[in-house]
Protein backbone atom coordinates (compact mmCIF):
# COMPACT_ATOMS: atom_id res chain seq x y z
CA UNK A 1 93.67 72.15 42.54
CA UNK A 2 94.33 74.79 40.31
CA UNK A 3 97.26 76.36 40.43
CA UNK A 4 96.35 79.70 42.02
CA UNK A 5 94.46 77.83 44.79
CA UNK A 6 97.42 75.86 45.69
CA UNK A 7 99.62 79.17 45.75
CA UNK A 8 97.03 81.22 47.48
CA UNK A 9 96.88 77.65 49.94
CA UNK A 10 101.41 77.65 50.01
CA UNK A 11 100.97 81.26 51.11
CA UNK A 12 98.54 81.02 53.67
CA UNK A 13 100.73 78.11 55.62
CA UNK A 14 103.67 80.40 55.32
CA UNK A 15 102.13 83.37 57.03
CA UNK A 16 100.17 81.14 59.66
CA UNK A 17 103.77 79.98 60.27
CA UNK A 18 105.02 83.41 60.92
CA UNK A 19 102.06 83.72 63.35
CA UNK A 20 102.80 80.86 65.10
CA UNK A 21 106.41 82.01 65.70
CA UNK A 22 104.71 85.02 67.10
CA UNK A 23 102.35 83.34 69.28
CA UNK A 24 105.01 81.61 71.02
CA UNK A 25 107.31 85.00 71.12
CA UNK A 26 105.03 86.88 72.89
CA UNK A 27 102.87 84.32 75.20
CA UNK A 28 99.83 86.31 74.65
CA UNK A 29 97.17 84.79 74.81
CA UNK A 30 94.65 86.47 72.12
CA UNK A 31 97.69 86.11 69.83
CA UNK A 32 97.35 82.48 70.45
CA UNK A 33 93.94 82.25 69.98
CA UNK A 34 94.16 84.13 66.55
CA UNK A 35 96.65 81.96 65.01
CA UNK A 36 94.84 78.76 66.15
CA UNK A 37 91.77 80.33 64.12
CA UNK A 38 93.15 80.96 61.26
CA UNK A 39 94.54 77.58 61.25
CA UNK A 40 91.13 76.76 61.62
CA UNK A 41 90.18 79.19 58.21
CA UNK A 42 93.13 77.90 56.54
CA UNK A 43 91.87 74.25 56.98
CA UNK A 44 88.23 75.29 55.99
CA UNK A 45 89.04 76.37 52.89
CA UNK A 46 91.71 73.89 52.05
CA UNK A 47 89.04 71.38 52.63
CA UNK A 48 86.32 72.62 50.85
CA UNK A 49 87.24 73.39 47.11
CA UNK A 50 83.91 74.87 46.26
CA UNK A 51 84.72 77.91 48.47
CA UNK A 52 86.09 80.75 46.92
CA UNK A 53 89.96 80.57 47.63
CA UNK A 54 90.53 83.96 46.54
CA UNK A 55 88.23 84.98 50.23
CA UNK A 56 90.77 83.17 51.95
CA UNK A 57 93.92 85.80 50.11
CA UNK A 58 91.72 88.49 50.86
CA UNK A 59 91.48 87.38 54.77
CA UNK A 60 95.35 87.41 54.85
CA UNK A 61 95.72 90.26 53.04
CA UNK A 62 93.35 92.34 54.84
CA UNK A 63 94.01 90.86 58.00
CA UNK A 64 96.69 88.63 59.46
CA UNK A 65 99.22 90.26 57.50
CA UNK A 66 98.10 93.46 59.65
CA UNK A 67 98.27 91.05 62.65
CA UNK A 68 102.05 90.27 61.74
CA UNK A 69 103.21 93.39 60.97
CA UNK A 70 101.76 95.12 63.81
CA UNK A 71 103.43 92.29 66.11
CA UNK A 72 106.49 92.83 64.39
CA UNK A 73 106.80 96.50 64.94
CA UNK A 74 105.72 95.62 68.41
CA UNK A 75 108.66 93.07 68.58
CA UNK A 76 111.31 95.22 66.86
CA UNK A 77 110.53 98.09 69.79
CA UNK A 78 110.76 95.92 72.32
CA UNK A 79 114.20 94.38 71.03
CA UNK A 80 115.14 98.22 70.99
CA UNK A 81 114.27 98.56 74.31
CA UNK A 82 115.83 95.17 75.54
CA UNK A 83 119.04 96.04 74.03
CA UNK A 84 118.73 99.82 76.04
CA UNK A 85 118.52 97.22 78.92
CA UNK A 86 121.40 95.17 78.38
CA UNK A 87 123.15 98.09 77.48
CA UNK A 88 123.34 99.79 80.68
CA UNK A 89 123.59 96.33 82.59
CA UNK A 90 126.73 96.17 80.88
CA UNK A 91 127.40 100.09 81.63
CA UNK A 92 127.00 99.10 85.38
CA UNK A 93 129.08 96.25 85.30
CA UNK A 94 132.34 97.82 84.03
CA UNK A 95 131.76 100.65 86.60
CA UNK A 96 131.21 98.08 89.21
CA UNK A 97 135.13 95.95 88.09
CA UNK A 98 136.41 99.37 88.12
CA UNK A 99 135.70 100.06 91.60
CA UNK A 100 136.05 96.75 92.61
CA UNK A 101 139.36 97.01 91.31
CA UNK A 102 140.14 100.35 93.43
CA UNK A 103 138.39 99.84 96.20
CA UNK A 104 139.87 98.95 100.17
CA UNK A 105 138.19 95.90 101.19
CA UNK A 106 136.59 95.91 104.84
CA UNK A 107 138.92 93.67 105.67
CA UNK A 108 141.94 95.92 104.79
CA UNK A 109 140.49 98.96 106.92
CA UNK A 110 140.10 97.36 109.83
CA UNK A 111 143.77 95.94 109.97
CA UNK A 112 144.79 99.30 108.89
CA UNK A 113 142.63 100.78 111.73
CA UNK A 114 144.07 98.86 114.40
CA UNK A 115 148.01 99.51 113.08
CA UNK A 116 146.81 103.37 113.11
CA UNK A 117 146.03 103.28 116.74
CA UNK A 118 148.66 101.56 118.00
CA UNK A 119 150.75 104.38 115.87
CA UNK A 120 148.65 106.77 117.63
CA UNK A 121 149.38 105.67 121.16
CA UNK A 122 153.28 105.60 120.45
CA UNK A 123 153.44 108.65 119.17
CA UNK A 124 151.17 110.39 121.81
CA UNK A 125 153.42 108.71 124.31
CA UNK A 126 156.78 110.21 122.49
CA UNK A 127 154.92 113.69 122.29
CA UNK A 128 154.27 114.08 125.70
CA UNK A 129 158.21 112.63 126.57
CA UNK A 130 159.21 115.39 124.27
CA UNK A 131 157.18 118.48 125.45
CA UNK A 132 158.02 117.18 129.36
CA UNK A 133 161.69 117.49 128.26
CA UNK A 134 161.44 120.53 125.71
CA UNK A 135 163.06 117.86 123.03
CA UNK A 136 163.15 118.96 119.80
CA UNK A 137 162.99 115.55 118.12
CA UNK A 138 160.44 114.47 115.93
CA UNK A 139 157.61 112.54 118.31
CA UNK A 140 155.64 110.91 115.69
CA UNK A 141 155.52 107.63 113.80
CA UNK A 142 156.73 106.81 110.20
CA UNK A 143 153.38 107.49 107.79
CA UNK A 144 151.52 108.41 110.82
CA UNK A 145 149.35 111.03 107.81
CA UNK A 146 149.54 108.03 105.34
CA UNK A 147 146.26 106.21 107.01
CA UNK A 148 144.00 109.00 106.46
CA UNK A 149 145.06 109.76 103.08
CA UNK A 150 144.52 106.31 101.89
CA UNK A 151 141.18 105.45 103.59
CA UNK A 152 139.20 109.04 103.64
CA UNK A 153 137.77 109.16 100.52
CA UNK A 154 135.84 105.34 101.22
CA UNK A 155 135.34 105.72 104.63
CA UNK A 156 135.84 109.31 105.73
CA UNK A 157 132.47 110.74 106.73
CA UNK A 158 131.59 113.94 105.10
CA UNK A 159 131.27 116.92 106.92
CA UNK A 160 130.82 121.01 106.23
CA UNK A 161 133.63 123.24 106.19
CA UNK A 162 132.15 125.47 108.95
CA UNK A 163 131.79 122.00 111.25
CA UNK A 164 135.60 121.20 110.73
CA UNK A 165 136.57 125.04 111.70
CA UNK A 166 134.08 124.23 114.97
CA UNK A 167 136.20 121.55 116.11
CA UNK A 168 139.62 123.03 115.34
CA UNK A 169 138.61 125.90 117.53
CA UNK A 170 140.95 126.20 120.60
CA UNK A 171 142.27 128.69 123.14
CA UNK A 172 146.09 128.87 122.95
CA UNK A 173 146.25 129.14 126.63
CA UNK A 174 144.54 125.75 126.48
CA UNK A 175 147.01 123.99 125.10
CA UNK A 176 150.80 122.71 124.85
CA UNK A 177 152.77 123.32 121.87
CA UNK A 178 156.27 123.16 120.27
CA UNK A 179 158.00 122.82 116.75
CA UNK A 180 156.18 119.65 115.34
CA UNK A 181 152.24 119.98 116.91
CA UNK A 182 149.55 121.10 119.58
CA UNK A 183 147.53 119.19 122.16
CA UNK A 184 144.95 119.95 124.52
CA UNK A 185 146.44 120.27 128.29
CA UNK A 186 143.70 118.35 129.37
CA UNK A 187 143.64 115.82 126.76
CA UNK A 188 147.50 114.96 127.74
CA UNK A 189 146.36 114.75 131.51
CA UNK A 190 144.08 112.05 130.27
CA UNK A 191 146.36 110.04 128.23
CA UNK A 192 148.56 109.96 131.31
CA UNK A 193 146.18 108.68 133.04
CA UNK A 194 145.16 105.92 130.74
CA UNK A 195 148.92 105.12 129.79
CA UNK A 196 148.27 106.74 126.16
CA UNK A 197 145.95 103.61 125.12
CA UNK A 198 143.57 105.04 122.11
CA UNK A 199 142.01 103.65 119.49
CA UNK A 200 140.72 104.77 116.05
CA UNK A 201 137.48 105.96 116.06
CA UNK A 202 135.81 107.58 112.82
CA UNK A 203 137.34 109.32 110.07
CA UNK A 204 135.76 112.86 108.99
CA UNK A 205 136.03 114.94 105.97
CA UNK A 206 135.60 118.43 104.37
CA UNK A 207 137.21 118.84 101.11
CA UNK A 208 140.37 117.81 101.15
CA UNK A 209 140.94 118.79 104.87
CA UNK A 210 141.16 114.76 107.08
CA UNK A 211 140.21 114.62 111.14
CA UNK A 212 141.06 111.57 112.74
CA UNK A 213 138.59 111.14 115.75
CA UNK A 214 139.98 108.72 118.66
CA UNK A 215 138.48 107.05 121.52
CA UNK A 216 140.46 106.40 124.85
CA UNK A 217 140.15 103.00 125.07
CA UNK A 218 139.27 102.92 129.32
CA UNK A 219 137.29 106.23 129.07
CA UNK A 220 134.03 107.49 126.95
CA UNK A 221 136.15 110.00 126.00
CA UNK A 222 137.52 111.46 122.11
CA UNK A 223 139.99 113.69 120.53
CA UNK A 224 140.28 114.51 117.17
CA UNK A 225 143.65 114.83 115.30
CA UNK A 226 144.11 117.01 112.55
CA UNK A 227 147.54 115.54 110.27
CA UNK A 228 147.40 119.31 108.84
CA UNK A 229 149.69 121.05 111.76
CA UNK A 230 149.23 117.69 113.97
CA UNK A 231 146.95 118.89 116.11
CA UNK A 232 145.30 117.03 118.99
CA UNK A 233 142.20 118.48 120.50
CA UNK A 234 139.14 117.06 122.95
CA UNK A 235 136.31 116.39 121.09
CA UNK A 236 132.46 116.59 121.82
CA UNK A 237 130.74 113.74 119.28
CA UNK A 238 127.40 116.21 119.86
CA UNK A 239 129.27 118.85 117.58
CA UNK A 240 129.72 116.90 114.46
CA UNK A 241 126.32 117.41 112.79
CA UNK A 242 124.66 116.08 109.76
CA UNK A 243 126.90 112.50 110.43
CA UNK A 244 125.65 109.04 109.78
CA UNK A 245 127.43 107.21 112.26
CA UNK A 246 125.62 103.96 111.41
CA UNK A 247 126.89 103.80 107.48
CA UNK A 248 129.68 101.78 107.88
CA UNK A 249 130.09 100.84 104.39
CA UNK A 250 132.88 102.60 102.33
CA UNK A 251 131.12 105.10 99.65
CA UNK A 252 132.86 102.65 96.95
CA UNK A 253 131.31 99.34 98.67
CA UNK A 254 127.69 101.19 98.64
CA UNK A 255 128.03 102.56 95.14
CA UNK A 256 128.79 98.64 94.36
CA UNK A 257 125.82 97.51 96.39
CA UNK A 258 123.70 100.06 94.39
CA UNK A 259 124.62 99.18 91.24
CA UNK A 260 124.26 95.54 91.83
CA UNK A 261 120.84 96.20 92.89
CA UNK A 262 119.93 98.21 89.86
CA UNK A 263 121.17 95.55 87.52
CA UNK A 264 119.19 92.76 89.36
CA UNK A 265 116.12 95.10 88.73
CA UNK A 266 117.38 95.76 85.31
CA UNK A 267 117.60 91.88 84.52
CA UNK A 268 114.19 91.34 85.73
CA UNK A 269 112.58 94.28 83.50
CA UNK A 270 114.53 92.79 80.46
CA UNK A 271 112.04 89.90 80.42
CA UNK A 272 109.13 91.80 80.84
CA UNK A 273 110.38 94.29 78.20
CA UNK A 274 110.98 91.72 75.54
CA UNK A 275 107.18 90.79 75.27
CA UNK A 276 105.63 93.65 76.10
CA UNK A 277 102.59 94.67 74.79
CA UNK A 278 100.28 98.24 75.34
CA UNK A 279 97.17 97.42 76.59
CA UNK A 280 95.62 99.24 73.63
CA UNK A 281 96.81 96.89 71.12
CA UNK A 282 96.26 93.89 73.72
CA UNK A 283 92.76 94.99 73.85
CA UNK A 284 92.55 95.25 69.85
CA UNK A 285 93.83 91.74 69.59
CA UNK A 286 91.04 90.43 71.84
CA UNK A 287 88.52 92.74 69.32
CA UNK A 288 89.60 91.27 66.29
CA UNK A 289 89.64 87.89 67.46
CA UNK A 290 86.21 87.70 68.23
CA UNK A 291 85.35 88.99 64.62
CA UNK A 292 86.99 86.53 63.17
CA UNK A 293 85.59 83.94 65.25
CA UNK A 294 82.57 84.57 64.02
CA UNK A 295 81.29 82.32 60.92
CA UNK A 296 80.41 84.99 59.09
CA UNK A 297 83.01 87.27 59.55
CA UNK A 298 83.68 87.21 55.81
CA UNK A 299 80.61 88.68 54.67
CA UNK A 300 80.25 91.54 57.73
CA UNK A 301 81.52 94.68 57.06
CA UNK A 302 82.25 94.98 60.42
CA UNK A 303 85.51 92.78 59.54
CA UNK A 304 86.49 95.01 56.88
CA UNK A 305 86.61 98.16 59.58
CA UNK A 306 88.78 96.12 62.34
CA UNK A 307 91.20 95.46 59.33
CA UNK A 308 91.30 99.04 58.86
CA UNK A 309 91.76 99.68 62.39
CA UNK A 310 94.49 97.60 62.40
CA UNK A 311 96.64 98.84 59.58
CA UNK A 312 95.92 102.70 61.39
CA UNK A 313 97.43 101.07 64.43
CA UNK A 314 100.38 100.73 62.14
CA UNK A 315 100.94 104.26 61.93
CA UNK A 316 100.60 105.23 65.44
CA UNK A 317 102.69 106.49 68.51
CA UNK A 318 100.89 103.47 70.52
CA UNK A 319 103.60 101.26 69.82
């Protein structure tokens, strides 16, 4: 074997190795079939020294090199898209970690609701005593307003300012007032009847304004507490519109779940993005395989046309 033939066969072996790697990467049937057929062609020339070895070189120059360049270009684009997906996943993870570090857990909220209910019941009893005795003493438990300030961003439902204004409307003739609080007369009567037993029901907010809604323990009646002014009013839940009471998760918890679900979808998309191949390229490779599967393809003018199509694809926006 002369040096020229040996060099062409060595170069052919290297080219086939590249095609094998790309075939394994994409896992595409057409690429694999082209790889196998290219091996057959190489073996054909290697085993038949009477054949013009320059045609093997021409075959690689016209066809295999173009296929490899095309696949490498797709691979680079896929790796770029894959990197973008990983970047988005990491950004979401960072946000999840940040939110997880600041979110109050459901268990914390549940325990503090119980504590707040006890504080509220005790404060209302003392308010009744202060009003009854015309006492100037401050009736409310320590940090009664801290509960709403702590949990309003995560756990309180948003309402519009107009709904807030409607809830806080009252007739001055229907309330008791002193220096520390304002309370519906009928509400005070109900609280006395049911021994001031009330439980926290839900929280509402409109901008920075916060309202806490409580339920009488032994009665299907509700009242609201507005920390701004310590106002206690009977509350008709039907007036609270635009609230999805079935949503019990905190806002941060919902965001964390949404980001986690999004990351799961992105992770699934990574695998598909890595080996993605446009349908147009897939069809072209299938057609190209048919051409080289023809035993007489090296003498066919259609093969040159197919090779030129492959080269053209390298300069289009299809990949």
